[in-house]
Amino acid sequence: MGCLSGSLPPLPQPPAAWLTPLVQSAAVRAFYHDQFVLPLPPGHRFPMVKYERLRSRLLAESVLDTSSLHVSPAADDEDLLRVHTPSYLDRLMAGSLSVAEQRRIGFPWSRRMVERSRRSVGGTLAASRAALDHGLGINLAGGTHHAYPDRGAGFCVFNDVAVAVRSLQADGRIRRALIVDCDVHQGDGTAAIFAGDPNVFTFSIHGARNYPHRKVPGDLDIGLADLSGDEEYLAPLSEGLWRSLAQANPEMIVYLAGADPFFDDRLGRLALSKGGLAQRDQMVLDACLGAGLPLAIVMAGGYARQIEDTVDIHLTTIRLAVEMIGASG
């Protein structure tokens, strides 16, 4: 399977039923909202600048051009309320979150925080619709998988992937979805939202001892020991992808391509190289796009000590996806 080498097992060929292309045309749509910036205090751990730098690098290196890039729309209340409770949305809009709620999210409340969070969800919903129409859609942010219906947490205000899946289901565009979460932190909010739902399969591969300290079981969770490197990560990922595809029988896939399994990530605790992360991406792309399944990609976390390392990793994810969808066209 493509870039994989060494002793790593390849993914088995998908069943013939999966090979009927659901993709109508080979095109790329990417959505950004880096002009909506949170006002954060000096020294805050969240790397807000990475989003603008990623878009600039994508253009400078001709991975995408301006015709492929679109400003993320803001998610409306109807879509947000498919996942989040009215009382939580009301408190967010009114600015009445408690100090404890703001501390759990990790951001001080502001109207710009609410606007940016709506744009993050809207970007993932737009990317998911683009995936169904064109094969691939990308949100240059997103992946806010720690948000629950009634609360935010871990730099996550709304759960963008959950809202996108529920909205597409409500529109009748899909029934079954697979969420492949390769952020270094387990997607507890997403697992909680879809618990017991046979139509949405959640697969998370993450650091076993990392945040969140209380994991919410998803459909398939692979927890890795601290300092796990490329080989320790990629072999179980291969098995996890095979099992997820076989059990989910999805009509589309959302991929959280976190940059934070990187060895020099401040919040990561794993030890993947940039090359290993590129192999990870190629493995997911081969499994999903190679089976003719629409794929929406969101960036999720990335907190490298040198911010350009995070940007490099996100850029490679997008470059590989664009090259693959271009080759298929």
Protein backbone atom coordinates (compact mmCIF):
# COMPACT_ATOMS: atom_id res chain seq x y z
CA MET A 1 0.00 0.00 0.00
CA GLY A 2 1.87 3.02 -1.29
CA CYS A 3 4.50 4.50 1.01
CA LEU A 4 4.54 1.84 3.70
CA SER A 5 7.74 -0.15 4.03
CA GLY A 6 9.67 -2.42 6.34
CA SER A 7 7.79 -4.97 8.41
CA LEU A 8 4.54 -3.04 8.68
CA PRO A 9 1.58 -5.13 7.46
CA PRO A 10 -0.34 -3.68 4.51
CA LEU A 11 -4.05 -3.08 4.76
CA PRO A 12 -6.01 -5.89 3.12
CA GLN A 13 -7.82 -5.06 -0.13
CA PRO A 14 -11.32 -3.79 0.70
CA PRO A 15 -14.28 -5.99 -0.20
CA ALA A 16 -15.49 -5.50 -3.77
CA ALA A 17 -18.64 -3.73 -2.58
CA TRP A 18 -16.52 -0.81 -1.35
CA LEU A 19 -14.88 -0.23 -4.72
CA THR A 20 -17.89 1.44 -6.34
CA PRO A 21 -16.71 5.06 -6.37
CA LEU A 22 -18.86 7.44 -4.36
CA VAL A 23 -16.71 10.31 -5.63
CA GLN A 24 -18.21 12.31 -8.49
CA SER A 25 -15.13 14.26 -9.55
CA ALA A 26 -11.55 14.86 -8.50
CA ALA A 27 -11.32 18.33 -7.03
CA VAL A 28 -10.15 19.95 -3.81
CA ARG A 29 -12.03 22.40 -1.65
CA ALA A 30 -10.28 23.79 1.44
CA PHE A 31 -11.81 26.13 4.03
CA TYR A 32 -10.06 28.58 6.33
CA HIS A 33 -10.93 31.15 8.97
CA ASP A 34 -7.54 32.29 10.22
CA GLN A 35 -8.66 35.92 10.00
CA PHE A 36 -10.94 35.21 12.99
CA VAL A 37 -8.37 35.33 15.78
CA LEU A 38 -8.99 34.73 19.47
CA PRO A 39 -7.66 37.44 21.78
CA LEU A 40 -5.40 35.33 23.99
CA PRO A 41 -3.20 36.48 26.85
CA PRO A 42 0.60 36.56 26.33
CA GLY A 43 2.25 33.19 26.70
CA HIS A 44 -0.93 31.20 26.07
CA ARG A 45 -0.18 27.62 24.97
CA PHE A 46 -2.57 27.58 22.02
CA PRO A 47 -0.65 28.25 18.76
CA MET A 48 -3.20 30.50 17.04
CA VAL A 49 -0.70 31.72 14.45
CA LYS A 50 -0.26 28.24 12.94
CA TYR A 51 -3.45 28.56 10.90
CA GLU A 52 -2.39 31.65 8.96
CA ARG A 53 1.10 30.25 8.47
CA LEU A 54 -0.34 26.99 7.10
CA ARG A 55 -2.50 28.77 4.55
CA SER A 56 0.43 30.98 3.52
CA ARG A 57 2.71 27.96 3.04
CA LEU A 58 0.09 26.08 1.04
CA LEU A 59 -0.12 29.01 -1.38
CA ALA A 60 3.62 29.75 -1.45
CA GLU A 61 4.46 26.12 -2.24
CA SER A 62 1.60 25.77 -4.76
CA VAL A 63 -0.06 22.93 -2.89
CA LEU A 64 -3.33 24.85 -3.24
CA ASP A 65 -4.22 27.97 -5.18
CA THR A 66 -6.64 30.73 -4.32
CA SER A 67 -9.44 29.11 -6.33
CA SER A 68 -9.33 26.10 -3.98
CA LEU A 69 -9.51 28.17 -0.79
CA HIS A 70 -12.77 29.43 0.65
CA VAL A 71 -13.61 31.32 3.84
CA SER A 72 -15.37 29.00 6.27
CA PRO A 73 -19.04 29.86 6.76
CA ALA A 74 -20.33 30.26 10.30
CA ALA A 75 -22.36 27.33 11.56
CA ASP A 76 -25.90 28.38 12.41
CA ASP A 77 -27.90 27.53 15.50
CA GLU A 78 -29.89 24.82 13.74
CA ASP A 79 -26.75 22.86 12.97
CA LEU A 80 -25.13 23.45 16.36
CA LEU A 81 -28.27 22.31 18.18
CA ARG A 82 -28.13 18.95 16.44
CA VAL A 83 -25.35 18.17 18.94
CA HIS A 84 -25.18 20.88 21.62
CA THR A 85 -27.78 21.68 24.25
CA PRO A 86 -29.80 24.91 24.05
CA SER A 87 -28.64 25.98 27.51
CA TYR A 88 -24.96 25.64 26.58
CA LEU A 89 -25.43 27.57 23.34
CA ASP A 90 -27.41 30.26 25.18
CA ARG A 91 -24.67 30.69 27.81
CA LEU A 92 -22.02 30.94 25.09
CA MET A 93 -23.94 33.57 23.18
CA ALA A 94 -24.73 35.58 26.31
CA GLY A 95 -21.17 35.43 27.63
CA SER A 96 -22.38 33.85 30.86
CA LEU A 97 -20.01 30.90 31.04
CA SER A 98 -18.64 30.48 34.53
CA VAL A 99 -14.97 30.95 35.30
CA ALA A 100 -14.70 27.17 35.75
CA GLU A 101 -16.30 26.56 32.33
CA GLN A 102 -13.89 28.98 30.66
CA ARG A 103 -10.95 27.38 32.45
CA ARG A 104 -12.04 23.93 31.25
CA ILE A 105 -12.22 25.18 27.67
CA GLY A 106 -8.86 26.91 27.99
CA PHE A 107 -9.96 30.18 26.37
CA PRO A 108 -11.35 33.34 27.97
CA TRP A 109 -14.83 34.12 26.67
CA SER A 110 -15.14 36.78 23.98
CA ARG A 111 -17.44 37.42 21.06
CA ARG A 112 -14.49 36.66 18.78
CA MET A 113 -14.09 33.28 20.47
CA VAL A 114 -17.73 32.46 19.70
CA GLU A 115 -17.43 33.66 16.11
CA ARG A 116 -14.24 31.71 15.49
CA SER A 117 -15.78 28.58 17.00
CA ARG A 118 -18.80 28.88 14.71
CA ARG A 119 -16.45 29.25 11.74
CA SER A 120 -14.48 26.18 12.80
CA VAL A 121 -17.66 24.09 12.78
CA GLY A 122 -18.83 25.67 9.54
CA GLY A 123 -15.51 24.85 7.90
CA THR A 124 -15.79 21.18 8.81
CA LEU A 125 -19.39 21.02 7.62
CA ALA A 126 -18.42 22.70 4.35
CA ALA A 127 -15.44 20.36 3.94
CA SER A 128 -17.68 17.35 4.56
CA ARG A 129 -20.16 18.51 1.93
CA ALA A 130 -17.27 19.10 -0.47
CA ALA A 131 -16.02 15.58 0.21
CA LEU A 132 -19.38 14.14 -0.79
CA ASP A 133 -19.46 16.27 -3.94
CA HIS A 134 -15.83 16.07 -5.03
CA GLY A 135 -14.12 13.29 -3.08
CA LEU A 136 -12.03 15.44 -0.74
CA GLY A 137 -12.73 18.39 1.51
CA ILE A 138 -10.31 20.05 3.94
CA ASN A 139 -10.75 22.33 6.93
CA LEU A 140 -7.47 24.11 7.67
CA ALA A 141 -8.53 24.03 11.34
CA GLY A 142 -11.16 21.98 13.18
CA GLY A 143 -10.93 18.70 15.02
CA THR A 144 -12.40 20.00 18.29
CA HIS A 145 -13.11 16.55 19.67
CA HIS A 146 -13.15 17.31 23.42
CA ALA A 147 -16.41 19.28 23.31
CA TYR A 148 -19.49 17.57 24.77
CA PRO A 149 -23.14 18.48 24.11
CA ASP A 150 -23.33 20.62 27.25
CA ARG A 151 -19.78 21.88 27.68
CA GLY A 152 -16.46 22.62 26.04
CA ALA A 153 -13.03 21.40 27.11
CA GLY A 154 -9.41 21.19 25.98
CA PHE A 155 -9.42 24.17 23.56
CA CYS A 156 -12.71 22.88 22.08
CA VAL A 157 -15.87 25.00 22.23
CA PHE A 158 -18.12 23.07 19.82
CA ASN A 159 -17.61 19.56 18.46
CA ASP A 160 -17.21 20.34 14.77
CA VAL A 161 -16.99 16.77 13.49
CA ALA A 162 -20.08 15.66 15.40
CA VAL A 163 -22.08 18.63 14.13
CA ALA A 164 -20.99 17.94 10.55
CA VAL A 165 -21.96 14.26 10.71
CA ARG A 166 -25.32 14.97 12.33
CA SER A 167 -26.08 17.71 9.81
CA LEU A 168 -25.28 15.49 6.83
CA GLN A 169 -27.47 12.77 8.30
CA ALA A 170 -30.30 15.26 8.85
CA ASP A 171 -29.98 16.41 5.23
CA GLY A 172 -30.24 12.81 4.06
CA ARG A 173 -26.82 12.89 2.43
CA ILE A 174 -25.34 10.05 4.50
CA ARG A 175 -26.48 7.45 6.96
CA ARG A 176 -23.19 5.89 8.09
CA ALA A 177 -19.91 7.63 8.89
CA LEU A 178 -16.48 6.66 10.17
CA ILE A 179 -14.38 9.04 12.27
CA VAL A 180 -10.65 8.29 12.21
CA ASP A 181 -9.07 10.30 15.03
CA CYS A 182 -5.26 10.43 14.93
CA ASP A 183 -4.87 13.35 17.31
CA VAL A 184 -2.57 12.37 20.18
CA HIS A 185 -5.42 12.97 22.65
CA GLN A 186 -8.41 10.64 22.79
CA GLY A 187 -11.60 12.08 21.29
CA ASP A 188 -13.67 11.79 24.44
CA GLY A 189 -16.35 14.29 23.47
CA THR A 190 -16.91 12.66 20.10
CA ALA A 191 -17.07 9.18 21.66
CA ALA A 192 -19.64 10.39 24.18
CA ILE A 193 -21.82 12.03 21.53
CA PHE A 194 -21.96 8.93 19.33
CA ALA A 195 -22.04 6.31 22.09
CA GLY A 196 -24.51 3.58 21.20
CA ASP A 197 -25.10 4.91 17.67
CA PRO A 198 -24.59 2.02 15.20
CA ASN A 199 -24.36 4.42 12.25
CA VAL A 200 -21.30 6.37 13.44
CA PHE A 201 -18.09 4.47 14.18
CA THR A 202 -15.41 6.27 16.21
CA PHE A 203 -11.80 5.08 16.00
CA SER A 204 -9.15 6.86 18.08
CA ILE A 205 -5.44 6.09 18.30
CA HIS A 206 -3.79 8.19 21.00
CA GLY A 207 -1.47 8.38 23.97
CA ALA A 208 -2.87 6.16 26.72
CA ARG A 209 -1.66 8.39 29.59
CA ASN A 210 -2.30 11.74 27.96
CA TYR A 211 -5.27 14.10 28.26
CA PRO A 212 -8.14 13.48 28.83
CA HIS A 213 -7.38 11.56 31.98
CA ARG A 214 -10.85 10.01 31.92
CA LYS A 215 -11.29 8.39 28.52
CA VAL A 216 -14.79 7.82 27.12
CA PRO A 217 -14.77 4.52 25.25
CA GLY A 218 -15.37 4.80 21.52
CA ASP A 219 -16.04 1.96 19.10
CA LEU A 220 -12.31 1.30 18.76
CA ASP A 221 -9.63 2.86 20.96
CA ILE A 222 -5.90 2.16 20.70
CA GLY A 223 -3.94 3.66 23.57
CA LEU A 224 -0.17 3.80 23.14
CA ALA A 225 2.57 4.00 25.75
CA ASP A 226 4.51 7.22 26.25
CA LEU A 227 7.37 7.69 23.76
CA SER A 228 5.92 5.24 21.24
CA GLY A 229 7.61 5.88 17.91
CA ASP A 230 6.90 5.24 14.25
CA GLU A 231 6.85 1.43 14.28
CA GLU A 232 4.87 1.22 17.53
CA TYR A 233 2.28 3.59 16.04
CA LEU A 234 1.93 2.52 12.42
CA ALA A 235 1.42 -1.21 12.93
CA PRO A 236 -1.61 -0.84 15.25
CA LEU A 237 -2.93 1.98 13.06
CA SER A 238 -2.98 -0.41 10.10
CA GLU A 239 -4.95 -2.97 12.05
CA GLY A 240 -7.26 -0.29 13.44
CA LEU A 241 -8.08 1.06 10.00
CA TRP A 242 -8.85 -2.41 8.69
CA ARG A 243 -11.13 -3.19 11.62
CA SER A 244 -12.85 0.20 11.45
CA LEU A 245 -13.61 0.00 7.75
CA ALA A 246 -14.85 -3.56 8.07
CA GLN A 247 -17.18 -2.78 10.97
CA ALA A 248 -18.36 0.70 9.97
CA ASN A 249 -19.18 0.11 6.27
CA PRO A 250 -19.12 3.92 5.98
CA GLU A 251 -20.47 6.23 3.31
CA MET A 252 -17.91 8.87 4.24
CA ILE A 253 -14.93 9.34 6.55
CA VAL A 254 -13.71 12.26 8.64
CA TYR A 255 -9.98 12.19 9.43
CA LEU A 256 -8.56 14.15 12.37
CA ALA A 257 -4.94 14.53 11.25
CA GLY A 258 -3.39 15.81 14.46
CA ALA A 259 0.22 16.96 14.29
CA ASP A 260 0.70 16.35 18.01
CA PRO A 261 2.03 12.74 17.97
CA PHE A 262 5.28 14.44 16.84
CA PHE A 263 8.26 13.75 19.11
CA ASP A 264 8.85 17.46 19.87
CA ASP A 265 5.23 18.37 20.59
CA ARG A 266 4.84 20.09 23.96
CA LEU A 267 1.58 18.28 24.74
CA GLY A 268 2.14 15.03 22.86
CA ARG A 269 4.14 12.43 24.86
CA LEU A 270 4.55 10.22 21.76
CA ALA A 271 7.68 10.16 19.59
CA LEU A 272 6.74 10.02 15.91
CA SER A 273 9.05 11.56 13.32
CA LYS A 274 7.81 13.75 10.49
CA GLY A 275 8.45 10.81 8.18
CA GLY A 276 6.37 8.55 10.40
CA LEU A 277 3.52 11.06 10.41
CA ALA A 278 3.67 11.21 6.62
CA GLN A 279 3.41 7.41 6.54
CA ARG A 280 0.44 7.66 8.88
CA ASP A 281 -1.27 10.09 6.50
CA GLN A 282 -0.54 7.94 3.48
CA MET A 283 -1.92 4.88 5.24
CA VAL A 284 -5.19 6.67 6.05
CA LEU A 285 -5.45 8.13 2.54
CA ASP A 286 -4.80 4.77 0.92
CA ALA A 287 -7.45 3.13 3.07
CA CYS A 288 -10.11 5.82 2.57
CA LEU A 289 -9.64 7.44 -0.81
CA GLY A 290 -8.28 4.19 -2.21
CA ALA A 291 -11.62 2.57 -1.42
CA GLY A 292 -13.51 5.32 -3.25
CA LEU A 293 -14.85 6.84 -0.04
CA PRO A 294 -15.37 10.60 0.37
CA LEU A 295 -12.91 12.02 2.87
CA ALA A 296 -13.05 15.19 4.96
CA ILE A 297 -9.78 16.14 6.67
CA VAL A 298 -9.47 18.42 9.69
CA MET A 299 -6.20 19.50 11.28
CA ALA A 300 -6.86 18.87 15.01
CA GLY A 301 -4.00 19.48 17.47
CA GLY A 302 -0.39 20.51 17.07
CA TYR A 303 1.77 22.20 19.72
CA ALA A 304 5.38 21.68 18.61
CA ARG A 305 8.08 23.68 20.36
CA GLN A 306 8.94 25.17 16.98
CA ILE A 307 5.66 26.21 15.37
CA GLU A 308 7.01 25.60 11.86
CA ASP A 309 7.28 21.90 12.72
CA THR A 310 3.52 21.81 13.29
CA VAL A 311 2.95 23.71 10.06
CA ASP A 312 5.25 21.29 8.18
CA ILE A 313 3.26 18.30 9.43
CA HIS A 314 -0.13 19.79 8.54
CA LEU A 315 1.17 20.87 5.13
CA THR A 316 2.41 17.35 4.37
CA THR A 317 -1.00 15.90 5.24
CA ILE A 318 -2.68 18.24 2.78
CA ARG A 319 -0.03 17.81 0.08
CA LEU A 320 -0.40 14.03 0.15
CA ALA A 321 -4.18 14.25 -0.04
CA VAL A 322 -4.13 16.74 -2.92
CA GLU A 323 -1.63 14.60 -4.84
CA MET A 324 -3.73 11.49 -4.34
CA ILE A 325 -7.04 13.04 -5.37
CA GLY A 326 -5.29 14.63 -8.36
CA ALA A 327 -3.84 11.30 -9.44
CA SER A 328 -7.26 9.66 -9.20
CA GLY A 329 -8.72 12.27 -11.55
